[in-house]
Amino acid sequence: MRRRKFISLLGGAAAAWPLAARAQQPTMPVIGLLDAGSARNRSHALAAFRSGLASADYVEGRNVSLQVRYSDGEFDRLPELARDLVHHHVALIAAFGNAAALAAKGATLTIPIVFASSADPVAVGLVSSLTSPGWNVTGVSILNQELEGIRLERLVEVVPQATTIGVLINPASLTIDPKLRALQTAAQILDRRLQQFHARSQQDFEAVFATAEQQGLGAMVVVSDTVFSNESADLGRAAADHKVPSMGPYSPFTRAGGLMSYGSDLGEAYRAVGATAARVLRGEKPADISVQESTKVEFVINLKSAQALGLKIPQQLIAIANEIIE
């Protein structure tokens, strides 16, 4: 009897061992992605982020998983969505845009956060410095303010007869003041008058461009902003529908029908966020990872839109464009 009991116990232990071993296997890390935009217009951002992860051998479904939260343009929902990701014990939060990054930072002091910021991340309070971010936050800073004057200059080259230029801004933007100052400086040099138009969300785009069309506005420059980044394609379609010659800050604007865009290569920036997230997953502390500055810009011209507007693009601009849409 003792021999049979010993064999029975041994068999039970052997059967239990694989279960115990499996229980001790590390779980797949979960990245929470927080974005103020909508799934409809932000697929390119998610694809670029995945590409950045893949460059460091992190592949969704194989050794990492994603939980994506979109606020669909409702910025006041971001804190709640950030808290939801914290509640689900994600290993890291990737935040696209200043508002999303600040919401994530407000939700946790311990979970690592990697952001894409369209402004100076020190000025908006995300990090203490670019080289020593501090806290649990690091990320990628996207060029924008430095490009506002160039956007206006190139628009004037294409529409020289426009003495008044519309300026589309989001008045709720955290960084609108220095961007407007840069535009005012450029406007004085170019001897142009600026007229402000306001849009706080995608729902305002149609009315803004309809008003610009009714006023016979000669041209419009779109100031860089998270709302305008997230919904660039809708902006471009509205500009094309109302035949307002416009310069946007991001290439999806031009590909959707806007006349031109000049700004940071957002695909590169989001890939850099993915690559930085991979470094954190491998054990590096965000506080020790310097904020990366995304310096690659792209100039895109839509010749089809120019033709519809009765405009001729100067050859010198065509020569320096990164992409021509015909």
C-alpha atoms as a PDB file:
ATOM      1  CA  MET A   1       0.000   0.000   0.000  1.00  0.00           C
ATOM      2  CA  ARG A   2       2.804   2.361   0.839  1.00  0.00           C
ATOM      3  CA  ARG A   3       4.389   1.652  -2.588  1.00  0.00           C
ATOM      4  CA  ARG A   4       1.112   2.363  -4.447  1.00  0.00           C
ATOM      5  CA  LYS A   5       0.581   5.616  -2.484  1.00  0.00           C
ATOM      6  CA  PHE A   6       4.118   6.776  -3.297  1.00  0.00           C
ATOM      7  CA  ILE A   7       3.601   6.121  -7.036  1.00  0.00           C
ATOM      8  CA  SER A   8       0.249   7.933  -6.952  1.00  0.00           C
ATOM      9  CA  LEU A   9       1.780  10.981  -5.289  1.00  0.00           C
ATOM     10  CA  LEU A  10       4.659  10.970  -7.750  1.00  0.00           C
ATOM     11  CA  GLY A  11       2.266  10.852 -10.709  1.00  0.00           C
ATOM     12  CA  GLY A  12       0.203  13.718  -9.296  1.00  0.00           C
ATOM     13  CA  ALA A  13       3.282  15.846  -8.823  1.00  0.00           C
ATOM     14  CA  ALA A  14       4.425  15.158 -12.391  1.00  0.00           C
ATOM     15  CA  ALA A  15       1.035  16.180 -13.746  1.00  0.00           C
ATOM     16  CA  ALA A  16       1.033  19.379 -11.710  1.00  0.00           C
ATOM     17  CA  TRP A  17       4.591  20.385 -12.667  1.00  0.00           C
ATOM     18  CA  PRO A  18       3.813  21.644 -16.232  1.00  0.00           C
ATOM     19  CA  LEU A  19       0.984  23.788 -14.846  1.00  0.00           C
ATOM     20  CA  ALA A  20       3.273  25.337 -12.254  1.00  0.00           C
ATOM     21  CA  ALA A  21       5.961  25.933 -14.843  1.00  0.00           C
ATOM     22  CA  ARG A  22       3.483  27.622 -17.183  1.00  0.00           C
ATOM     23  CA  ALA A  23       2.230  29.814 -14.359  1.00  0.00           C
ATOM     24  CA  GLN A  24       5.747  31.117 -13.821  1.00  0.00           C
ATOM     25  CA  GLN A  25       6.248  32.093 -17.474  1.00  0.00           C
ATOM     26  CA  PRO A  26       6.427  35.901 -17.978  1.00  0.00           C
ATOM     27  CA  THR A  27       3.204  37.417 -19.299  1.00  0.00           C
ATOM     28  CA  MET A  28       3.153  39.344 -22.563  1.00  0.00           C
ATOM     29  CA  PRO A  29       3.608  43.082 -21.889  1.00  0.00           C
ATOM     30  CA  VAL A  30       0.648  45.280 -22.764  1.00  0.00           C
ATOM     31  CA  ILE A  31       1.139  48.769 -24.207  1.00  0.00           C
ATOM     32  CA  GLY A  32      -1.671  51.230 -23.771  1.00  0.00           C
ATOM     33  CA  LEU A  33      -1.926  53.729 -26.628  1.00  0.00           C
ATOM     34  CA  LEU A  34      -3.732  56.994 -25.918  1.00  0.00           C
ATOM     35  CA  ASP A  35      -4.741  59.225 -28.847  1.00  0.00           C
ATOM     36  CA  ALA A  36      -7.043  62.236 -28.998  1.00  0.00           C
ATOM     37  CA  GLY A  37      -8.005  61.418 -32.586  1.00  0.00           C
ATOM     38  CA  SER A  38     -10.259  58.779 -34.098  1.00  0.00           C
ATOM     39  CA  ALA A  39      -9.563  55.314 -35.437  1.00  0.00           C
ATOM     40  CA  ARG A  40     -10.878  56.461 -38.836  1.00  0.00           C
ATOM     41  CA  ASN A  41      -8.137  59.056 -39.317  1.00  0.00           C
ATOM     42  CA  ARG A  42      -5.281  57.699 -37.206  1.00  0.00           C
ATOM     43  CA  SER A  43      -4.484  54.330 -38.772  1.00  0.00           C
ATOM     44  CA  HIS A  44      -1.219  55.720 -40.192  1.00  0.00           C
ATOM     45  CA  ALA A  45      -0.054  56.724 -36.706  1.00  0.00           C
ATOM     46  CA  LEU A  46      -0.771  53.276 -35.307  1.00  0.00           C
ATOM     47  CA  ALA A  47       0.958  51.582 -38.253  1.00  0.00           C
ATOM     48  CA  ALA A  48       4.078  53.747 -37.807  1.00  0.00           C
ATOM     49  CA  PHE A  49       4.156  53.015 -34.075  1.00  0.00           C
ATOM     50  CA  ARG A  50       3.945  49.273 -34.764  1.00  0.00           C
ATOM     51  CA  SER A  51       6.775  49.667 -37.268  1.00  0.00           C
ATOM     52  CA  GLY A  52       8.943  51.272 -34.593  1.00  0.00           C
ATOM     53  CA  LEU A  53       8.230  48.416 -32.207  1.00  0.00           C
ATOM     54  CA  ALA A  54       8.973  45.858 -34.926  1.00  0.00           C
ATOM     55  CA  SER A  55      12.361  47.477 -35.610  1.00  0.00           C
ATOM     56  CA  ALA A  56      13.290  46.346 -32.094  1.00  0.00           C
ATOM     57  CA  ASP A  57      11.719  42.873 -32.559  1.00  0.00           C
ATOM     58  CA  TYR A  58       8.483  43.608 -30.699  1.00  0.00           C
ATOM     59  CA  VAL A  59       5.594  42.286 -32.770  1.00  0.00           C
ATOM     60  CA  GLU A  60       1.984  42.659 -31.716  1.00  0.00           C
ATOM     61  CA  GLY A  61       0.453  39.286 -30.891  1.00  0.00           C
ATOM     62  CA  ARG A  62       3.814  37.561 -30.634  1.00  0.00           C
ATOM     63  CA  ASN A  63       5.616  39.221 -27.740  1.00  0.00           C
ATOM     64  CA  VAL A  64       3.611  42.381 -27.050  1.00  0.00           C
ATOM     65  CA  SER A  65      -0.046  43.413 -27.160  1.00  0.00           C
ATOM     66  CA  LEU A  66      -1.766  46.788 -27.573  1.00  0.00           C
ATOM     67  CA  GLN A  67      -4.792  48.376 -25.967  1.00  0.00           C
ATOM     68  CA  VAL A  68      -5.755  51.470 -27.974  1.00  0.00           C
ATOM     69  CA  ARG A  69      -7.928  54.269 -26.621  1.00  0.00           C
ATOM     70  CA  TYR A  70      -9.193  57.044 -28.926  1.00  0.00           C
ATOM     71  CA  SER A  71     -11.054  60.062 -27.575  1.00  0.00           C
ATOM     72  CA  ASP A  72     -12.524  60.905 -31.023  1.00  0.00           C
ATOM     73  CA  GLY A  73     -11.570  64.555 -30.713  1.00  0.00           C
ATOM     74  CA  GLU A  74     -13.086  64.929 -27.234  1.00  0.00           C
ATOM     75  CA  PHE A  75     -10.080  66.080 -25.245  1.00  0.00           C
ATOM     76  CA  ASP A  76     -11.959  66.115 -21.944  1.00  0.00           C
ATOM     77  CA  ARG A  77     -12.263  62.313 -22.191  1.00  0.00           C
ATOM     78  CA  LEU A  78      -8.494  61.791 -22.205  1.00  0.00           C
ATOM     79  CA  PRO A  79      -8.005  61.752 -18.400  1.00  0.00           C
ATOM     80  CA  GLU A  80     -10.690  59.086 -18.040  1.00  0.00           C
ATOM     81  CA  LEU A  81      -9.180  56.980 -20.823  1.00  0.00           C
ATOM     82  CA  ALA A  82      -5.729  57.331 -19.263  1.00  0.00           C
ATOM     83  CA  ARG A  83      -7.059  56.146 -15.908  1.00  0.00           C
ATOM     84  CA  ASP A  84      -8.682  53.196 -17.660  1.00  0.00           C
ATOM     85  CA  LEU A  85      -5.314  52.128 -19.078  1.00  0.00           C
ATOM     86  CA  VAL A  86      -3.763  52.441 -15.624  1.00  0.00           C
ATOM     87  CA  HIS A  87      -6.604  50.323 -14.208  1.00  0.00           C
ATOM     88  CA  HIS A  88      -5.733  47.610 -16.737  1.00  0.00           C
ATOM     89  CA  HIS A  89      -2.129  47.579 -15.462  1.00  0.00           C
ATOM     90  CA  VAL A  90      -0.503  48.243 -18.817  1.00  0.00           C
ATOM     91  CA  ALA A  91       3.278  48.031 -18.891  1.00  0.00           C
ATOM     92  CA  LEU A  92       3.640  51.350 -20.707  1.00  0.00           C
ATOM     93  CA  ILE A  93       1.510  54.171 -22.108  1.00  0.00           C
ATOM     94  CA  ALA A  94       2.281  55.627 -25.554  1.00  0.00           C
ATOM     95  CA  ALA A  95       0.605  59.032 -25.791  1.00  0.00           C
ATOM     96  CA  PHE A  96       0.167  60.859 -29.109  1.00  0.00           C
ATOM     97  CA  GLY A  97      -0.152  64.626 -28.641  1.00  0.00           C
ATOM     98  CA  ASN A  98       0.364  67.045 -25.763  1.00  0.00           C
ATOM     99  CA  ALA A  99      -3.122  66.649 -24.300  1.00  0.00           C
ATOM    100  CA  ALA A 100      -2.888  62.846 -24.301  1.00  0.00           C
ATOM    101  CA  ALA A 101       0.587  62.927 -22.762  1.00  0.00           C
ATOM    102  CA  LEU A 102      -0.483  65.318 -20.016  1.00  0.00           C
ATOM    103  CA  ALA A 103      -3.540  63.165 -19.276  1.00  0.00           C
ATOM    104  CA  ALA A 104      -1.335  60.076 -18.993  1.00  0.00           C
ATOM    105  CA  LYS A 105       1.116  61.895 -16.742  1.00  0.00           C
ATOM    106  CA  GLY A 106      -1.763  62.995 -14.530  1.00  0.00           C
ATOM    107  CA  ALA A 107      -3.017  59.413 -14.255  1.00  0.00           C
ATOM    108  CA  THR A 108       0.195  57.693 -13.106  1.00  0.00           C
ATOM    109  CA  LEU A 109       3.553  58.457 -11.533  1.00  0.00           C
ATOM    110  CA  THR A 110       4.892  54.941 -11.988  1.00  0.00           C
ATOM    111  CA  ILE A 111       3.846  53.474 -15.345  1.00  0.00           C
ATOM    112  CA  PRO A 112       6.335  54.588 -18.050  1.00  0.00           C
ATOM    113  CA  ILE A 113       4.990  57.083 -20.590  1.00  0.00           C
ATOM    114  CA  VAL A 114       6.427  57.665 -24.075  1.00  0.00           C
ATOM    115  CA  PHE A 115       4.931  60.617 -25.931  1.00  0.00           C
ATOM    116  CA  ALA A 116       4.866  62.336 -29.302  1.00  0.00           C
ATOM    117  CA  SER A 117       4.681  66.080 -28.620  1.00  0.00           C
ATOM    118  CA  SER A 118       3.996  68.752 -31.237  1.00  0.00           C
ATOM    119  CA  ALA A 119       5.430  71.457 -28.986  1.00  0.00           C
ATOM    120  CA  ASP A 120       8.305  72.096 -26.609  1.00  0.00           C
ATOM    121  CA  PRO A 121       7.722  69.294 -24.049  1.00  0.00           C
ATOM    122  CA  VAL A 122       9.534  71.314 -21.373  1.00  0.00           C
ATOM    123  CA  ALA A 123       7.322  74.359 -21.908  1.00  0.00           C
ATOM    124  CA  VAL A 124       4.087  72.343 -21.653  1.00  0.00           C
ATOM    125  CA  GLY A 125       5.274  70.559 -18.500  1.00  0.00           C
ATOM    126  CA  LEU A 126       5.863  67.039 -19.777  1.00  0.00           C
ATOM    127  CA  VAL A 127       9.560  66.783 -18.845  1.00  0.00           C
ATOM    128  CA  SER A 128      12.060  68.791 -16.811  1.00  0.00           C
ATOM    129  CA  SER A 129      14.600  68.893 -19.661  1.00  0.00           C
ATOM    130  CA  LEU A 130      15.194  67.217 -23.002  1.00  0.00           C
ATOM    131  CA  THR A 131      18.407  65.496 -21.909  1.00  0.00           C
ATOM    132  CA  SER A 132      17.207  64.489 -18.442  1.00  0.00           C
ATOM    133  CA  PRO A 133      13.435  64.097 -18.689  1.00  0.00           C
ATOM    134  CA  GLY A 134      12.941  63.003 -15.086  1.00  0.00           C
ATOM    135  CA  TRP A 135       9.882  61.298 -13.648  1.00  0.00           C
ATOM    136  CA  ASN A 136       8.424  58.400 -15.651  1.00  0.00           C
ATOM    137  CA  VAL A 137       8.149  60.250 -18.960  1.00  0.00           C
ATOM    138  CA  THR A 138      10.143  60.582 -22.177  1.00  0.00           C
ATOM    139  CA  GLY A 139       9.353  60.706 -25.877  1.00  0.00           C
ATOM    140  CA  VAL A 140       9.703  62.506 -29.187  1.00  0.00           C
ATOM    141  CA  SER A 141       9.439  66.239 -29.850  1.00  0.00           C
ATOM    142  CA  ILE A 142       8.074  67.164 -33.284  1.00  0.00           C
ATOM    143  CA  LEU A 143       9.200  70.315 -35.121  1.00  0.00           C
ATOM    144  CA  ASN A 144       6.354  72.768 -35.658  1.00  0.00           C
ATOM    145  CA  GLN A 145       6.703  76.273 -34.272  1.00  0.00           C
ATOM    146  CA  GLU A 146       9.964  76.708 -36.186  1.00  0.00           C
ATOM    147  CA  LEU A 147       8.134  76.030 -39.473  1.00  0.00           C
ATOM    148  CA  GLU A 148       5.160  78.400 -39.207  1.00  0.00           C
ATOM    149  CA  GLY A 149       6.865  81.308 -40.991  1.00  0.00           C
ATOM    150  CA  ILE A 150       8.108  79.071 -43.814  1.00  0.00           C
ATOM    151  CA  ARG A 151       4.571  77.800 -44.431  1.00  0.00           C
ATOM    152  CA  LEU A 152       3.319  81.339 -44.847  1.00  0.00           C
ATOM    153  CA  GLU A 153       6.226  82.281 -47.108  1.00  0.00           C
ATOM    154  CA  ARG A 154       5.643  79.362 -49.484  1.00  0.00           C
ATOM    155  CA  LEU A 155       1.906  79.987 -49.607  1.00  0.00           C
ATOM    156  CA  VAL A 156       2.533  83.603 -50.613  1.00  0.00           C
ATOM    157  CA  GLU A 157       4.844  82.397 -53.396  1.00  0.00           C
ATOM    158  CA  VAL A 158       1.947  80.417 -54.874  1.00  0.00           C
ATOM    159  CA  VAL A 159      -0.796  82.998 -54.221  1.00  0.00           C
ATOM    160  CA  PRO A 160       1.055  86.341 -54.460  1.00  0.00           C
ATOM    161  CA  GLN A 161      -2.156  88.269 -55.096  1.00  0.00           C
ATOM    162  CA  ALA A 162      -3.548  87.360 -51.661  1.00  0.00           C
ATOM    163  CA  THR A 163      -2.892  90.381 -49.456  1.00  0.00           C
ATOM    164  CA  THR A 164      -4.957  88.967 -46.572  1.00  0.00           C
ATOM    165  CA  ILE A 165      -4.113  85.458 -45.420  1.00  0.00           C
ATOM    166  CA  GLY A 166      -6.425  83.461 -43.196  1.00  0.00           C
ATOM    167  CA  VAL A 167      -4.840  81.757 -40.199  1.00  0.00           C
ATOM    168  CA  LEU A 168      -6.664  78.731 -38.835  1.00  0.00           C
ATOM    169  CA  ILE A 169      -5.910  78.163 -35.150  1.00  0.00           C
ATOM    170  CA  ASN A 170      -7.235  76.120 -32.272  1.00  0.00           C
ATOM    171  CA  PRO A 171      -7.704  78.762 -29.543  1.00  0.00           C
ATOM    172  CA  ALA A 172      -7.519  76.035 -26.897  1.00  0.00           C
ATOM    173  CA  SER A 173      -4.011  75.017 -27.957  1.00  0.00           C
ATOM    174  CA  LEU A 174      -1.383  75.108 -25.216  1.00  0.00           C
ATOM    175  CA  THR A 175       1.208  76.565 -27.583  1.00  0.00           C
ATOM    176  CA  ILE A 176      -0.716  78.933 -29.840  1.00  0.00           C
ATOM    177  CA  ASP A 177       0.925  82.184 -28.636  1.00  0.00           C
ATOM    178  CA  PRO A 178       4.509  81.550 -29.822  1.00  0.00           C
ATOM    179  CA  LYS A 179       3.209  80.126 -33.106  1.00  0.00           C
ATOM    180  CA  LEU A 180       1.132  83.228 -33.767  1.00  0.00           C
ATOM    181  CA  ARG A 181       4.121  85.431 -32.944  1.00  0.00           C
ATOM    182  CA  ALA A 182       6.201  83.540 -35.510  1.00  0.00           C
ATOM    183  CA  LEU A 183       3.475  84.026 -38.120  1.00  0.00           C
ATOM    184  CA  GLN A 184       3.082  87.723 -37.333  1.00  0.00           C
ATOM    185  CA  THR A 185       6.820  88.246 -37.786  1.00  0.00           C
ATOM    186  CA  ALA A 186       6.736  86.486 -41.161  1.00  0.00           C
ATOM    187  CA  ALA A 187       3.604  88.427 -42.222  1.00  0.00           C
ATOM    188  CA  GLN A 188       5.303  91.753 -41.501  1.00  0.00           C
ATOM    189  CA  ILE A 189       8.291  90.785 -43.625  1.00  0.00           C
ATOM    190  CA  LEU A 190       5.999  89.630 -46.452  1.00  0.00           C
ATOM    191  CA  ASP A 191       3.710  92.681 -46.098  1.00  0.00           C
ATOM    192  CA  ARG A 192       0.617  90.566 -45.544  1.00  0.00           C
ATOM    193  CA  ARG A 193      -2.355  90.964 -43.219  1.00  0.00           C
ATOM    194  CA  LEU A 194      -3.484  87.973 -41.165  1.00  0.00           C
ATOM    195  CA  GLN A 195      -7.100  87.145 -40.361  1.00  0.00           C
ATOM    196  CA  GLN A 196      -7.795  84.567 -37.673  1.00  0.00           C
ATOM    197  CA  PHE A 197     -10.261  81.686 -37.985  1.00  0.00           C
ATOM    198  CA  HIS A 198     -10.960  79.339 -35.078  1.00  0.00           C
ATOM    199  CA  ALA A 199     -11.632  75.591 -34.941  1.00  0.00           C
ATOM    200  CA  ARG A 200     -11.661  73.537 -31.764  1.00  0.00           C
ATOM    201  CA  SER A 201     -12.694  70.238 -33.316  1.00  0.00           C
ATOM    202  CA  GLN A 202     -13.345  68.466 -36.606  1.00  0.00           C
ATOM    203  CA  GLN A 203     -16.974  69.630 -36.466  1.00  0.00           C
ATOM    204  CA  ASP A 204     -15.813  73.231 -37.033  1.00  0.00           C
ATOM    205  CA  PHE A 205     -13.848  72.648 -40.255  1.00  0.00           C
ATOM    206  CA  GLU A 206     -16.721  72.869 -42.711  1.00  0.00           C
ATOM    207  CA  ALA A 207     -18.034  76.152 -41.310  1.00  0.00           C
ATOM    208  CA  VAL A 208     -14.560  77.721 -41.257  1.00  0.00           C
ATOM    209  CA  PHE A 209     -13.812  77.024 -44.910  1.00  0.00           C
ATOM    210  CA  ALA A 210     -17.353  77.882 -45.969  1.00  0.00           C
ATOM    211  CA  THR A 211     -16.927  81.295 -44.330  1.00  0.00           C
ATOM    212  CA  ALA A 212     -13.522  81.763 -45.963  1.00  0.00           C
ATOM    213  CA  GLU A 213     -15.056  80.945 -49.366  1.00  0.00           C
ATOM    214  CA  GLN A 214     -17.952  83.374 -48.844  1.00  0.00           C
ATOM    215  CA  GLN A 215     -15.516  86.141 -47.908  1.00  0.00           C
ATOM    216  CA  GLY A 216     -13.437  85.484 -51.019  1.00  0.00           C
ATOM    217  CA  LEU A 217     -10.355  84.896 -48.878  1.00  0.00           C
ATOM    218  CA  GLY A 218      -7.259  84.581 -51.033  1.00  0.00           C
ATOM    219  CA  ALA A 219      -5.477  81.898 -49.011  1.00  0.00           C
ATOM    220  CA  MET A 220      -5.365  80.082 -45.660  1.00  0.00           C
ATOM    221  CA  VAL A 221      -2.491  78.762 -43.558  1.00  0.00           C
ATOM    222  CA  VAL A 222      -3.270  76.103 -40.955  1.00  0.00           C
ATOM    223  CA  VAL A 223      -1.274  76.418 -37.726  1.00  0.00           C
ATOM    224  CA  SER A 224       0.136  73.164 -36.347  1.00  0.00           C
ATOM    225  CA  ASP A 225      -2.024  71.665 -33.601  1.00  0.00           C
ATOM    226  CA  THR A 226      -2.974  68.245 -32.253  1.00  0.00           C
ATOM    227  CA  VAL A 227      -6.588  68.568 -33.454  1.00  0.00           C
ATOM    228  CA  PHE A 228      -5.404  69.496 -36.940  1.00  0.00           C
ATOM    229  CA  SER A 229      -2.836  66.696 -36.923  1.00  0.00           C
ATOM    230  CA  ASN A 230      -5.397  64.088 -35.898  1.00  0.00           C
ATOM    231  CA  GLU A 231      -7.945  65.190 -38.485  1.00  0.00           C
ATOM    232  CA  SER A 232      -5.645  66.449 -41.269  1.00  0.00           C
ATOM    233  CA  ALA A 233      -7.483  64.551 -43.989  1.00  0.00           C
ATOM    234  CA  ASP A 234     -10.822  66.144 -43.075  1.00  0.00           C
ATOM    235  CA  LEU A 235      -9.154  69.566 -43.135  1.00  0.00           C
ATOM    236  CA  GLY A 236      -7.762  68.912 -46.600  1.00  0.00           C
ATOM    237  CA  ARG A 237     -11.134  67.808 -47.927  1.00  0.00           C
ATOM    238  CA  ALA A 238     -12.839  70.911 -46.517  1.00  0.00           C
ATOM    239  CA  ALA A 239     -10.218  73.208 -48.082  1.00  0.00           C
ATOM    240  CA  ALA A 240     -10.653  71.489 -51.461  1.00  0.00           C
ATOM    241  CA  ASP A 241     -14.457  71.461 -51.321  1.00  0.00           C
ATOM    242  CA  HIS A 242     -14.591  75.226 -50.705  1.00  0.00           C
ATOM    243  CA  LYS A 243     -11.750  76.060 -53.114  1.00  0.00           C
ATOM    244  CA  VAL A 244      -9.611  77.899 -50.559  1.00  0.00           C
ATOM    245  CA  PRO A 245      -5.884  77.736 -51.437  1.00  0.00           C
ATOM    246  CA  SER A 246      -4.423  76.408 -48.205  1.00  0.00           C
ATOM    247  CA  MET A 247      -1.130  75.370 -46.655  1.00  0.00           C
ATOM    248  CA  GLY A 248      -1.354  72.685 -43.982  1.00  0.00           C
ATOM    249  CA  PRO A 249       1.243  71.444 -41.505  1.00  0.00           C
ATOM    250  CA  TYR A 250       0.934  67.711 -42.243  1.00  0.00           C
ATOM    251  CA  SER A 251       1.012  65.634 -45.430  1.00  0.00           C
ATOM    252  CA  PRO A 252      -2.400  63.881 -45.002  1.00  0.00           C
ATOM    253  CA  PHE A 253      -3.905  67.353 -45.504  1.00  0.00           C
ATOM    254  CA  THR A 254      -2.449  67.573 -49.013  1.00  0.00           C
ATOM    255  CA  ARG A 255      -3.134  63.975 -49.942  1.00  0.00           C
ATOM    256  CA  ALA A 256      -6.821  64.560 -49.119  1.00  0.00           C
ATOM    257  CA  GLY A 257      -7.072  67.588 -51.409  1.00  0.00           C
ATOM    258  CA  GLY A 258      -5.336  70.513 -49.687  1.00  0.00           C
ATOM    259  CA  LEU A 259      -3.020  72.583 -51.888  1.00  0.00           C
ATOM    260  CA  MET A 260       0.256  72.155 -49.987  1.00  0.00           C
ATOM    261  CA  SER A 261       1.715  71.029 -46.681  1.00  0.00           C
ATOM    262  CA  TYR A 262       5.044  71.600 -45.014  1.00  0.00           C
ATOM    263  CA  GLY A 263       5.829  70.012 -41.696  1.00  0.00           C
ATOM    264  CA  SER A 264       7.299  67.196 -39.698  1.00  0.00           C
ATOM    265  CA  ASP A 265       7.239  63.672 -41.069  1.00  0.00           C
ATOM    266  CA  LEU A 266       4.752  62.273 -38.574  1.00  0.00           C
ATOM    267  CA  GLY A 267       5.400  58.708 -39.696  1.00  0.00           C
ATOM    268  CA  GLU A 268       9.031  59.062 -38.657  1.00  0.00           C
ATOM    269  CA  ALA A 269       8.008  60.581 -35.322  1.00  0.00           C
ATOM    270  CA  TYR A 270       5.558  57.803 -34.470  1.00  0.00           C
ATOM    271  CA  ARG A 271       8.100  55.140 -35.463  1.00  0.00           C
ATOM    272  CA  ALA A 272      10.547  56.801 -33.076  1.00  0.00           C
ATOM    273  CA  VAL A 273       7.933  56.589 -30.301  1.00  0.00           C
ATOM    274  CA  GLY A 274       7.607  52.854 -30.992  1.00  0.00           C
ATOM    275  CA  ALA A 275      11.380  52.359 -30.918  1.00  0.00           C
ATOM    276  CA  THR A 276      11.639  54.291 -27.638  1.00  0.00           C
ATOM    277  CA  ALA A 277       8.801  52.242 -26.154  1.00  0.00           C
ATOM    278  CA  ALA A 278      10.786  49.109 -27.015  1.00  0.00           C
ATOM    279  CA  ARG A 279      13.786  50.459 -25.093  1.00  0.00           C
ATOM    280  CA  VAL A 280      11.579  50.923 -22.034  1.00  0.00           C
ATOM    281  CA  LEU A 281      10.138  47.414 -22.367  1.00  0.00           C
ATOM    282  CA  ARG A 282      13.711  46.109 -22.359  1.00  0.00           C
ATOM    283  CA  GLY A 283      14.370  47.731 -19.014  1.00  0.00           C
ATOM    284  CA  GLU A 284      15.607  51.283 -19.608  1.00  0.00           C
ATOM    285  CA  LYS A 285      14.096  53.975 -17.393  1.00  0.00           C
ATOM    286  CA  PRO A 286      12.258  56.834 -19.160  1.00  0.00           C
ATOM    287  CA  ALA A 287      14.069  59.334 -16.932  1.00  0.00           C
ATOM    288  CA  ASP A 288      17.371  58.168 -18.445  1.00  0.00           C
ATOM    289  CA  ILE A 289      16.259  58.351 -22.105  1.00  0.00           C
ATOM    290  CA  SER A 290      16.731  61.791 -23.664  1.00  0.00           C
ATOM    291  CA  VAL A 291      13.760  63.230 -25.533  1.00  0.00           C
ATOM    292  CA  GLN A 292      14.384  62.652 -29.224  1.00  0.00           C
ATOM    293  CA  GLU A 293      13.833  65.571 -31.600  1.00  0.00           C
ATOM    294  CA  SER A 294      12.175  64.599 -34.871  1.00  0.00           C
ATOM    295  CA  THR A 295      13.798  66.886 -37.437  1.00  0.00           C
ATOM    296  CA  LYS A 296      12.723  65.315 -40.736  1.00  0.00           C
ATOM    297  CA  VAL A 297      10.248  67.515 -42.610  1.00  0.00           C
ATOM    298  CA  GLU A 298       8.327  66.941 -45.823  1.00  0.00           C
ATOM    299  CA  PHE A 299       6.984  69.401 -48.378  1.00  0.00           C
ATOM    300  CA  VAL A 300       4.043  68.050 -50.389  1.00  0.00           C
ATOM    301  CA  ILE A 301       2.281  69.750 -53.300  1.00  0.00           C
ATOM    302  CA  ASN A 302      -1.019  68.689 -54.843  1.00  0.00           C
ATOM    303  CA  LEU A 303      -0.862  69.734 -58.511  1.00  0.00           C
ATOM    304  CA  LYS A 304      -4.381  68.460 -59.132  1.00  0.00           C
ATOM    305  CA  SER A 305      -5.690  70.845 -56.456  1.00  0.00           C
ATOM    306  CA  ALA A 306      -3.582  73.686 -57.875  1.00  0.00           C
ATOM    307  CA  GLN A 307      -5.161  73.133 -61.295  1.00  0.00           C
ATOM    308  CA  ALA A 308      -8.670  73.119 -59.805  1.00  0.00           C
ATOM    309  CA  LEU A 309      -7.872  76.435 -58.092  1.00  0.00           C
ATOM    310  CA  GLY A 310      -6.417  77.936 -61.260  1.00  0.00           C
ATOM    311  CA  LEU A 311      -2.984  78.299 -59.699  1.00  0.00           C
ATOM    312  CA  LYS A 312       0.457  77.637 -61.125  1.00  0.00           C
ATOM    313  CA  ILE A 313       3.086  76.288 -58.763  1.00  0.00           C
ATOM    314  CA  PRO A 314       6.453  78.020 -59.227  1.00  0.00           C
ATOM    315  CA  GLN A 315       9.129  75.711 -60.594  1.00  0.00           C
ATOM    316  CA  GLN A 316      11.450  76.461 -57.684  1.00  0.00           C
ATOM    317  CA  LEU A 317       8.907  74.997 -55.262  1.00  0.00           C
ATOM    318  CA  ILE A 318       8.319  71.905 -57.388  1.00  0.00           C
ATOM    319  CA  ALA A 319      12.080  71.350 -57.421  1.00  0.00           C
ATOM    320  CA  ILE A 320      12.316  71.183 -53.601  1.00  0.00           C
ATOM    321  CA  ALA A 321       9.096  69.251 -52.928  1.00  0.00           C
ATOM    322  CA  ASN A 322       9.400  65.804 -51.335  1.00  0.00           C
ATOM    323  CA  GLU A 323       6.201  64.630 -52.991  1.00  0.00           C
ATOM    324  CA  ILE A 324       4.131  65.826 -55.941  1.00  0.00           C
ATOM    325  CA  ILE A 325       0.523  64.646 -56.217  1.00  0.00           C
ATOM    326  CA  GLU A 326      -0.764  64.725 -59.803  1.00  0.00           C
END
